[in-house]
N, C-alpha and C. Protein backbone atom coordinates (compact mmCIF):
# COMPACT_ATOMS: atom_id res chain seq x y z
N MET A 1 80.51 108.32 109.66
CA MET A 1 80.27 108.28 108.60
C MET A 1 79.36 107.13 108.52
N THR A 2 78.11 106.90 108.02
CA THR A 2 77.40 105.94 108.28
C THR A 2 76.90 105.08 106.71
N ASP A 3 77.48 106.00 105.64
CA ASP A 3 77.06 105.38 104.58
C ASP A 3 78.64 105.12 103.61
N ASP A 4 78.67 103.77 103.54
CA ASP A 4 79.67 102.82 102.93
C ASP A 4 79.72 103.49 101.22
N ALA A 5 78.73 103.75 100.86
CA ALA A 5 79.00 104.20 99.62
C ALA A 5 79.59 105.40 99.09
N LEU A 6 79.93 105.91 100.28
CA LEU A 6 80.91 107.05 99.81
C LEU A 6 82.03 106.95 99.57
N LEU A 7 82.61 105.36 100.25
CA LEU A 7 84.04 104.84 100.16
C LEU A 7 84.41 104.46 99.09
N PRO A 8 85.36 104.87 98.54
CA PRO A 8 86.42 104.19 96.99
C PRO A 8 86.00 102.84 97.66
N THR A 9 86.16 101.90 96.26
CA THR A 9 85.87 100.64 96.17
C THR A 9 87.19 99.60 96.81
N ARG A 10 88.36 100.81 96.08
CA ARG A 10 89.31 99.88 96.35
C ARG A 10 90.33 101.05 96.81
N ALA A 11 91.80 100.36 97.37
CA ALA A 11 92.89 101.00 98.07
C ALA A 11 93.67 100.90 97.15
N GLY A 12 94.63 101.73 96.86
CA GLY A 12 96.13 101.91 96.06
C GLY A 12 97.00 101.56 96.85
N PRO A 13 98.47 101.59 96.34
CA PRO A 13 99.14 101.62 97.39
C PRO A 13 99.30 102.21 98.55
N VAL A 14 99.80 101.36 99.64
CA VAL A 14 99.89 102.42 100.74
C VAL A 14 101.20 103.16 100.88
N PRO A 15 101.00 104.40 101.37
CA PRO A 15 101.70 105.60 101.85
C PRO A 15 103.06 104.63 103.44
N ASP A 16 104.03 105.37 102.84
CA ASP A 16 104.98 105.17 104.01
C ASP A 16 104.15 106.10 105.45
N ARG A 17 104.08 107.12 105.52
CA ARG A 17 103.46 108.00 106.44
C ARG A 17 102.02 108.63 105.88
N LEU A 18 101.19 108.53 107.06
CA LEU A 18 99.90 109.58 106.88
C LEU A 18 99.41 110.48 107.50
N THR A 19 99.72 112.06 107.48
CA THR A 19 99.45 112.79 108.11
C THR A 19 98.31 113.79 108.08
N ILE A 20 97.67 114.02 109.21
CA ILE A 20 96.38 114.69 109.16
C ILE A 20 96.76 115.99 109.98
N TRP A 21 96.22 117.44 109.45
CA TRP A 21 96.94 118.27 109.94
C TRP A 21 95.68 119.35 110.21
N PRO A 22 95.19 119.82 111.37
CA PRO A 22 94.03 120.41 111.65
C PRO A 22 94.01 122.17 110.33
N VAL A 23 93.21 122.59 111.10
CA VAL A 23 93.14 124.26 110.38
C VAL A 23 92.53 124.64 111.62
N ASP A 24 93.05 126.48 111.36
CA ASP A 24 91.49 126.88 112.91
C ASP A 24 90.30 126.89 112.56
N ASP A 25 89.90 126.90 110.90
CA ASP A 25 88.21 126.66 110.65
C ASP A 25 87.86 125.42 110.91
N GLY A 26 88.06 124.28 111.26
CA GLY A 26 87.77 123.48 111.48
C GLY A 26 87.59 122.13 110.92
N ARG A 27 88.83 122.16 109.70
CA ARG A 27 88.94 121.69 108.51
C ARG A 27 90.12 121.07 108.70
N TYR A 28 90.52 120.34 107.49
CA TYR A 28 91.70 119.47 107.80
C TYR A 28 92.54 119.07 106.35
N GLY A 29 94.13 119.03 106.41
CA GLY A 29 94.54 118.75 105.56
C GLY A 29 95.04 117.43 105.68
N LEU A 30 95.62 116.40 104.82
CA LEU A 30 96.07 115.62 104.75
C LEU A 30 97.15 115.33 103.82
N ASP A 31 98.55 114.85 104.16
CA ASP A 31 99.55 114.20 103.36
C ASP A 31 99.88 112.72 103.66
N ALA A 32 100.02 112.26 102.21
CA ALA A 32 100.21 110.82 102.31
C ALA A 32 101.89 110.90 101.56
N THR A 33 102.70 110.26 102.51
CA THR A 33 104.15 110.67 101.96
C THR A 33 104.78 108.74 101.60
N PHE A 34 105.47 108.69 100.32
CA PHE A 34 105.45 107.66 100.18
C PHE A 34 107.43 107.76 100.17
N GLN A 35 108.05 106.79 100.54
CA GLN A 35 109.44 106.81 100.14
C GLN A 35 109.71 105.64 99.85
N GLY A 36 111.81 105.61 99.85
CA GLY A 36 111.58 104.04 99.12
C GLY A 36 112.18 104.31 98.01
N ALA A 37 112.70 103.09 97.57
CA ALA A 37 113.13 102.90 96.25
C ALA A 37 111.76 102.99 94.95
N THR A 38 110.59 102.70 95.70
CA THR A 38 109.40 102.47 94.88
C THR A 38 108.47 103.61 95.09
N GLY A 39 108.68 104.19 96.21
CA GLY A 39 108.12 105.45 96.76
C GLY A 39 107.76 106.71 95.20
N TYR A 40 108.25 106.72 94.52
CA TYR A 40 108.02 107.42 93.41
C TYR A 40 106.52 107.32 92.52
N GLN A 41 107.17 105.35 91.91
CA GLN A 41 105.95 104.95 91.44
C GLN A 41 105.23 104.81 92.28
N ARG A 42 104.96 104.68 93.50
CA ARG A 42 103.77 104.59 94.02
C ARG A 42 102.71 105.54 94.45
N ALA A 43 103.80 106.46 94.57
CA ALA A 43 102.77 108.01 94.52
C ALA A 43 102.20 108.26 93.43
N GLN A 44 102.85 107.75 92.34
CA GLN A 44 102.32 108.32 90.93
C GLN A 44 100.91 107.85 90.28
N GLN A 45 101.01 106.34 91.01
CA GLN A 45 100.13 105.81 90.75
C GLN A 45 98.90 106.81 91.25
N HIS A 46 98.98 106.99 92.64
CA HIS A 46 97.59 107.79 92.90
C HIS A 46 97.77 108.78 92.62
N ARG A 47 98.64 109.83 91.76
CA ARG A 47 98.67 110.73 91.14
C ARG A 47 97.72 110.72 90.29
N ALA A 48 97.97 109.72 89.28
CA ALA A 48 97.29 110.18 88.04
C ALA A 48 95.82 109.58 87.95
N GLU A 49 95.44 108.75 89.08
CA GLU A 49 94.25 108.27 89.57
C GLU A 49 93.59 109.51 90.05
N LEU A 50 94.02 110.79 90.65
CA LEU A 50 93.89 112.24 91.40
C LEU A 50 93.25 112.75 89.68
N GLU A 51 94.27 112.63 89.23
CA GLU A 51 94.36 113.89 88.43
C GLU A 51 93.05 113.42 86.90
N ARG A 52 92.79 112.13 86.94
CA ARG A 52 92.24 111.59 86.13
C ARG A 52 90.39 112.01 86.83
N ASP A 53 90.39 111.66 88.01
CA ASP A 53 89.34 112.15 88.32
C ASP A 53 88.90 114.11 89.24
N GLY A 54 89.85 114.81 88.43
CA GLY A 54 90.21 115.93 88.64
C GLY A 54 90.31 116.39 89.62
N VAL A 55 90.68 115.70 91.43
CA VAL A 55 90.83 115.86 92.45
C VAL A 55 91.59 117.09 92.69
N PRO A 56 91.69 117.85 93.50
CA PRO A 56 92.75 118.55 93.58
C PRO A 56 93.87 118.41 94.88
N HIS A 57 94.89 118.78 94.58
CA HIS A 57 96.13 118.16 95.30
C HIS A 57 97.43 118.63 95.42
N ALA A 58 98.60 118.48 95.78
CA ALA A 58 99.67 118.80 95.93
C ALA A 58 100.43 117.98 95.24
N PHE A 59 101.39 117.86 94.94
CA PHE A 59 102.64 116.52 94.67
C PHE A 59 103.91 117.45 94.74
N ARG A 60 104.65 116.77 95.97
CA ARG A 60 106.23 117.54 95.76
C ARG A 60 107.08 116.68 96.28
N GLN A 61 108.15 116.85 95.53
CA GLN A 61 109.28 115.67 96.41
C GLN A 61 109.80 116.84 97.36
N GLU A 62 110.31 116.27 98.71
CA GLU A 62 110.59 116.17 100.15
C GLU A 62 111.83 116.34 99.86
N LEU A 63 112.81 117.11 101.05
CA LEU A 63 114.03 117.28 101.16
C LEU A 63 115.12 115.73 101.31
N ASP A 64 114.27 114.69 101.98
CA ASP A 64 114.82 113.17 102.54
C ASP A 64 114.38 112.43 100.89
N GLY A 65 114.12 113.03 99.62
CA GLY A 65 113.86 112.42 98.57
C GLY A 65 112.47 111.62 98.31
N ALA A 66 111.71 111.60 99.73
CA ALA A 66 110.62 111.00 99.31
C ALA A 66 109.35 112.03 98.52
N TRP A 67 108.15 111.32 98.27
CA TRP A 67 107.18 111.86 97.51
C TRP A 67 106.06 112.01 98.40
N THR A 68 105.60 113.15 98.45
CA THR A 68 104.33 113.72 99.64
C THR A 68 102.93 113.96 98.35
N LEU A 69 102.19 113.33 98.57
CA LEU A 69 100.41 113.99 98.02
C LEU A 69 99.74 114.66 99.17
N ARG A 70 99.54 116.06 98.93
CA ARG A 70 98.76 117.03 99.77
C ARG A 70 97.56 117.10 99.17
N PHE A 71 96.46 116.91 100.25
CA PHE A 71 95.39 117.16 100.32
C PHE A 71 94.68 118.33 101.10
N GLY A 72 93.98 119.30 100.72
CA GLY A 72 93.02 120.12 101.43
C GLY A 72 93.01 121.14 101.77
N PRO A 73 92.64 122.62 102.39
CA PRO A 73 91.96 121.50 103.73
C PRO A 73 90.62 121.46 102.85
N LEU A 74 90.13 120.13 103.83
CA LEU A 74 88.73 119.60 103.59
C LEU A 74 88.20 119.77 104.66
N GLN A 75 86.56 119.38 104.54
CA GLN A 75 85.72 118.93 105.76
C GLN A 75 86.00 117.30 106.01
N ALA A 76 85.93 117.10 107.76
CA ALA A 76 86.28 115.82 108.09
C ALA A 76 85.96 114.88 107.47
N ALA A 77 84.45 114.78 106.48
CA ALA A 77 84.11 113.97 105.79
C ALA A 77 84.88 113.27 104.61
N ASP A 78 85.34 114.35 103.71
CA ASP A 78 86.41 114.09 102.76
C ASP A 78 87.61 113.72 103.19
N ILE A 79 88.11 114.23 104.14
CA ILE A 79 89.44 113.50 105.16
C ILE A 79 88.78 111.93 105.04
N ALA A 80 87.78 111.56 105.55
CA ALA A 80 87.59 110.26 105.85
C ALA A 80 87.67 109.58 104.29
N ARG A 81 87.08 109.95 103.51
CA ARG A 81 87.05 109.68 101.80
C ARG A 81 88.36 109.12 101.54
N ALA A 82 89.48 110.03 101.77
CA ALA A 82 90.46 110.42 101.07
C ALA A 82 91.66 109.21 101.64
N LEU A 83 91.33 109.04 103.39
CA LEU A 83 92.06 108.30 103.94
C LEU A 83 92.06 106.80 103.24
N ALA A 84 90.57 106.35 102.81
CA ALA A 84 90.42 105.36 102.42
C ALA A 84 91.17 105.23 101.25
N ALA A 85 91.66 105.39 100.48
CA ALA A 85 92.05 105.21 99.26
C ALA A 85 93.49 105.11 99.59
N PHE A 86 93.89 105.38 101.10
CA PHE A 86 95.20 105.04 101.15
C PHE A 86 95.65 103.59 102.06
N VAL A 87 94.48 103.34 103.25
CA VAL A 87 94.54 102.35 103.93
C VAL A 87 93.58 101.21 103.26
N TYR A 88 94.36 100.15 103.38
CA TYR A 88 93.36 98.96 103.57
C TYR A 88 92.34 98.20 104.30
């Protein structure tokens, strides 16, 4: 990706775990998981921004009490932009 203008200008709270998973058709999914005492609050901050911007995602509580935002499946370039929201 060579056009930095496509990337977000600021990242939000850092998740505890990022998982990229492939799909058979060449697209990818992304899970951003937040754990611990502040996990819900950090995930909610991202969720509010996603909802405000109309970005499709799923928000779920995991069995271990963590919270995950799931994106995809998306094209690789879109996954790169999503990653930029979580990585400083």
